[in-house]
């Protein structure tokens, strides 16, 4: 996936860990502790669509912040054509996401990705997914994804000790939701019907069916 990796701290690969109140002091290679998966669609220089999975993103209101690698096709596309669709897949789409994971739209393959990733110009076909037209932005949506967020880029900030990542702030300008995940007759996504695909330490998970309790600000309890 086109996302940020947290390197292990020096001297922690020896297996010596300190204990404190039943916890271990550890240095995991990555910190994807149950983050959602998104499929980003952007426009290539030739007008075709690029499709890339990421697992570094968070939302605040109608602002979405994405974490991208600096050398990928998605980042280059957004620098020249600052609009995209943030497509949120359901758990049953994990095989399509995994088919996309080792692919890159960049050619030649960036040095940091060589030996692991391969170039693929038609990622929709490779993943077995289908594009559909957006309403506001140029890149297409992923038809199979229950939630599709059309967005424009507000800012791009280098991240990491060598600027190897990019934090991309996006403004959501149009939202599409499958009727099956909505509370009928409202503008609310039904948390009992919507299940995001979760990337949990490089394993795919879906949310459990059991609801623990609504939050105090819930408007769909």
Protein backbone atom coordinates (compact mmCIF):
# COMPACT_ATOMS: atom_id res chain seq x y z
CA UNK A 1 0.00 0.00 0.00
CA UNK A 2 1.03 3.61 -0.63
CA UNK A 3 1.39 4.74 2.95
CA UNK A 4 3.79 5.59 5.76
CA UNK A 5 6.07 3.07 7.49
CA UNK A 6 7.48 3.66 10.96
CA UNK A 7 11.05 2.31 11.23
CA UNK A 8 12.09 0.35 14.28
CA UNK A 9 14.28 2.19 16.72
CA UNK A 10 17.97 1.34 16.73
CA UNK A 11 19.00 -1.41 19.12
CA UNK A 12 15.54 -2.90 19.59
CA UNK A 13 15.86 -5.93 17.34
CA UNK A 14 17.77 -7.96 19.95
CA UNK A 15 14.71 -9.22 21.77
CA UNK A 16 15.50 -7.43 25.03
CA UNK A 17 12.34 -5.72 26.29
CA UNK A 18 11.67 -3.95 29.57
CA UNK A 19 8.55 -4.67 31.58
CA UNK A 20 6.43 -1.99 33.23
CA UNK A 21 3.10 -2.83 34.91
CA UNK A 22 2.64 -5.86 32.69
CA UNK A 23 3.49 -4.03 29.46
CA UNK A 24 6.48 -4.51 27.17
CA UNK A 25 8.59 -1.72 25.72
CA UNK A 26 8.55 -2.56 22.00
CA UNK A 27 9.39 -0.97 18.65
CA UNK A 28 6.98 -2.31 16.01
CA UNK A 29 7.99 -1.70 12.42
CA UNK A 30 4.61 -0.23 11.56
CA UNK A 31 1.82 1.39 13.59
CA UNK A 32 -1.30 0.56 11.61
CA UNK A 33 -3.28 -0.22 14.76
CA UNK A 34 -6.66 -0.85 13.18
CA UNK A 35 -6.81 1.92 10.57
CA UNK A 36 -9.39 2.04 7.75
CA UNK A 37 -8.51 1.22 4.16
CA UNK A 38 -9.24 3.69 1.37
CA UNK A 39 -8.92 3.41 -2.39
CA UNK A 40 -7.80 6.70 -3.93
CA UNK A 41 -8.62 7.54 -7.52
CA UNK A 42 -6.61 10.27 -9.22
CA UNK A 43 -6.02 11.33 -12.83
CA UNK A 44 -2.84 10.34 -14.67
CA UNK A 45 -1.07 12.72 -17.07
CA UNK A 46 -2.64 10.91 -20.05
CA UNK A 47 -6.16 11.31 -18.62
CA UNK A 48 -6.55 7.73 -17.45
CA UNK A 49 -7.38 6.89 -13.83
CA UNK A 50 -4.97 5.69 -11.18
CA UNK A 51 -6.26 3.60 -8.29
CA UNK A 52 -4.22 3.17 -5.11
CA UNK A 53 -4.93 1.62 -1.69
CA UNK A 54 -3.81 3.46 1.45
CA UNK A 55 -4.24 2.85 5.17
CA UNK A 56 -3.07 6.17 6.60
CA UNK A 57 -5.95 8.66 6.80
CA UNK A 58 -8.14 10.45 9.31
CA UNK A 59 -11.15 12.72 9.19
CA UNK A 60 -12.06 15.94 11.00
CA UNK A 61 -15.42 17.28 9.93
CA UNK A 62 -15.32 17.42 6.14
CA UNK A 63 -11.52 17.51 6.05
CA UNK A 64 -9.62 14.30 5.32
CA UNK A 65 -5.86 14.04 5.84
CA UNK A 66 -4.06 11.35 3.85
CA UNK A 67 -0.60 9.88 4.39
CA UNK A 68 1.17 9.08 1.10
CA UNK A 69 4.61 8.00 0.02
CA UNK A 70 6.40 10.79 -1.81
CA UNK A 71 7.48 8.69 -4.80
CA UNK A 72 4.17 7.18 -5.88
CA UNK A 73 1.90 7.97 -8.82
CA UNK A 74 -0.87 9.22 -6.54
CA UNK A 75 1.27 11.99 -5.04
CA UNK A 76 2.53 13.08 -8.46
CA UNK A 77 -1.01 13.16 -9.84
CA UNK A 78 -2.29 15.27 -6.95
CA UNK A 79 0.56 17.75 -7.34
CA UNK A 80 -0.53 18.43 -10.94
CA UNK A 81 -4.28 17.72 -10.72
CA UNK A 82 -5.38 18.35 -7.11
CA UNK A 83 -8.62 16.39 -7.00
CA UNK A 84 -9.46 12.83 -6.11
CA UNK A 85 -12.06 10.39 -4.81
CA UNK A 86 -11.56 8.70 -1.44
CA UNK A 87 -13.41 5.40 -1.82
CA UNK A 88 -14.08 3.38 1.35
CA UNK A 89 -14.37 -0.37 0.70
CA UNK A 90 -16.37 -2.84 2.76
CA UNK A 91 -14.66 -5.93 4.23
CA UNK A 92 -15.74 -8.21 1.39
CA UNK A 93 -13.57 -6.16 -1.00
CA UNK A 94 -10.31 -7.11 0.72
CA UNK A 95 -9.23 -9.43 -2.17
CA UNK A 96 -9.46 -6.49 -4.60
CA UNK A 97 -7.46 -4.30 -2.22
CA UNK A 98 -4.81 -7.00 -1.88
CA UNK A 99 -4.59 -7.35 -5.67
CA UNK A 100 -3.86 -3.62 -5.84
CA UNK A 101 -1.36 -3.59 -2.97
CA UNK A 102 1.77 -4.68 -4.94
CA UNK A 103 1.01 -2.48 -7.96
CA UNK A 104 2.22 1.01 -8.82
CA UNK A 105 1.11 3.38 -11.53
CA UNK A 106 4.55 5.00 -11.61
CA UNK A 107 6.81 4.13 -14.55
CA UNK A 108 9.59 3.37 -14.23
CA UNK A 109 8.99 1.81 -10.83
CA UNK A 110 10.50 4.14 -8.18
CA UNK A 111 13.75 2.86 -6.71
CA UNK A 112 12.24 2.49 -3.24
CA UNK A 113 9.55 0.16 -4.65
CA UNK A 114 11.67 -2.00 -6.96
CA UNK A 115 11.70 -5.69 -6.22
CA UNK A 116 8.40 -5.46 -4.32
CA UNK A 117 6.02 -3.52 -6.59
CA UNK A 118 5.35 -3.83 -10.30
CA UNK A 119 4.00 -1.29 -12.78
CA UNK A 120 0.36 -1.68 -13.79
CA UNK A 121 -1.32 0.94 -16.02
CA UNK A 122 -4.89 -0.37 -15.65
CA UNK A 123 -5.43 -0.88 -11.95
CA UNK A 124 -9.23 -1.06 -12.14
CA UNK A 125 -8.98 -4.10 -14.39
CA UNK A 126 -6.19 -5.65 -12.30
CA UNK A 127 -8.30 -5.33 -9.15
CA UNK A 128 -11.56 -6.45 -10.76
CA UNK A 129 -13.24 -3.14 -9.89
CA UNK A 130 -15.27 -0.73 -12.02
CA UNK A 131 -15.10 3.06 -12.44
CA UNK A 132 -18.12 5.32 -12.46
CA UNK A 133 -18.31 9.04 -13.17
CA UNK A 134 -17.96 11.55 -10.36
CA UNK A 135 -20.21 14.61 -9.99
CA UNK A 136 -17.77 17.38 -9.03
CA UNK A 137 -14.20 16.12 -9.61
CA UNK A 138 -12.54 14.51 -12.61
CA UNK A 139 -11.31 11.16 -11.24
CA UNK A 140 -13.87 8.35 -11.24
CA UNK A 141 -15.41 6.66 -8.23
CA UNK A 142 -15.07 2.95 -7.43
CA UNK A 143 -18.53 1.55 -8.09
CA UNK A 144 -18.20 -1.31 -5.61
CA UNK A 145 -17.33 0.91 -2.61
CA UNK A 146 -20.33 1.80 -0.39
CA UNK A 147 -18.91 5.23 0.53
CA UNK A 148 -17.25 7.52 -2.02
CA UNK A 149 -15.93 10.97 -1.07
CA UNK A 150 -15.13 13.38 -3.88
CA UNK A 151 -12.46 15.80 -2.70
CA UNK A 152 -10.01 18.54 -3.64
CA UNK A 153 -6.53 19.07 -2.24
CA UNK A 154 -5.97 22.03 0.10
CA UNK A 155 -2.33 21.49 1.00
CA UNK A 156 0.56 19.02 0.83
CA UNK A 157 3.13 18.88 3.63
CA UNK A 158 6.37 16.85 3.64
CA UNK A 159 6.53 14.40 6.55
CA UNK A 160 9.34 12.24 7.91
CA UNK A 161 13.02 12.81 8.69
CA UNK A 162 13.88 12.94 4.98
CA UNK A 163 10.54 14.16 3.67
CA UNK A 164 9.79 10.69 2.35
CA UNK A 165 6.06 10.99 3.02
CA UNK A 166 3.36 13.55 2.28
CA UNK A 167 0.45 14.62 4.48
CA UNK A 168 -2.29 15.67 2.06
CA UNK A 169 -5.14 17.78 3.44
CA UNK A 170 -8.31 17.34 1.39
CA UNK A 171 -11.70 19.07 1.42
CA UNK A 172 -14.64 16.72 0.78
CA UNK A 173 -16.94 18.36 -1.78
CA UNK A 174 -19.47 15.61 -2.49
CA UNK A 175 -20.42 12.36 -0.74
CA UNK A 176 -22.00 9.26 -2.28
CA UNK A 177 -23.40 6.50 -0.07
CA UNK A 178 -25.06 3.22 -0.97
CA UNK A 179 -28.68 3.20 0.14
CA UNK A 180 -28.01 0.00 2.07
CA UNK A 181 -25.72 1.78 4.55
CA UNK A 182 -28.00 4.77 5.22
CA UNK A 183 -30.66 5.31 7.85
CA UNK A 184 -33.77 5.46 5.61
CA UNK A 185 -35.15 8.95 5.08
CA UNK A 186 -32.15 10.68 6.71
CA UNK A 187 -28.68 11.99 5.88
CA UNK A 188 -27.07 9.62 8.43
CA UNK A 189 -24.89 6.63 7.67
CA UNK A 190 -26.24 3.72 9.71
CA UNK A 191 -23.42 2.40 11.94
CA UNK A 192 -25.30 -0.89 12.22
CA UNK A 193 -25.17 -1.33 8.44
CA UNK A 194 -21.82 0.22 7.48
CA UNK A 195 -18.68 -1.82 8.09
CA UNK A 196 -15.30 -0.40 7.00
CA UNK A 197 -12.39 -2.60 5.95
CA UNK A 198 -9.72 -2.32 8.67
CA UNK A 199 -5.96 -2.72 8.15
CA UNK A 200 -4.73 -4.06 11.49
CA UNK A 201 -0.93 -4.46 11.58
CA UNK A 202 -0.95 -5.50 7.90
CA UNK A 203 -3.87 -7.90 8.26
CA UNK A 204 -7.38 -7.25 6.94
CA UNK A 205 -10.28 -7.19 9.40
CA UNK A 206 -13.95 -6.27 9.45
CA UNK A 207 -15.69 -4.80 12.49
CA UNK A 208 -17.49 -7.20 14.80
CA UNK A 209 -21.26 -7.27 14.46
CA UNK A 210 -21.90 -6.55 18.15
CA UNK A 211 -22.43 -2.91 19.07
CA UNK A 212 -21.13 -2.07 22.53
CA UNK A 213 -23.03 1.19 22.99
CA UNK A 214 -23.78 4.47 21.21
CA UNK A 215 -21.58 7.44 22.04
CA UNK A 216 -23.13 10.35 23.93
CA UNK A 217 -23.18 12.46 20.73
CA UNK A 218 -24.78 9.78 18.58
CA UNK A 219 -27.77 10.95 16.56
CA UNK A 220 -28.67 7.46 15.34
CA UNK A 221 -29.06 5.62 18.65
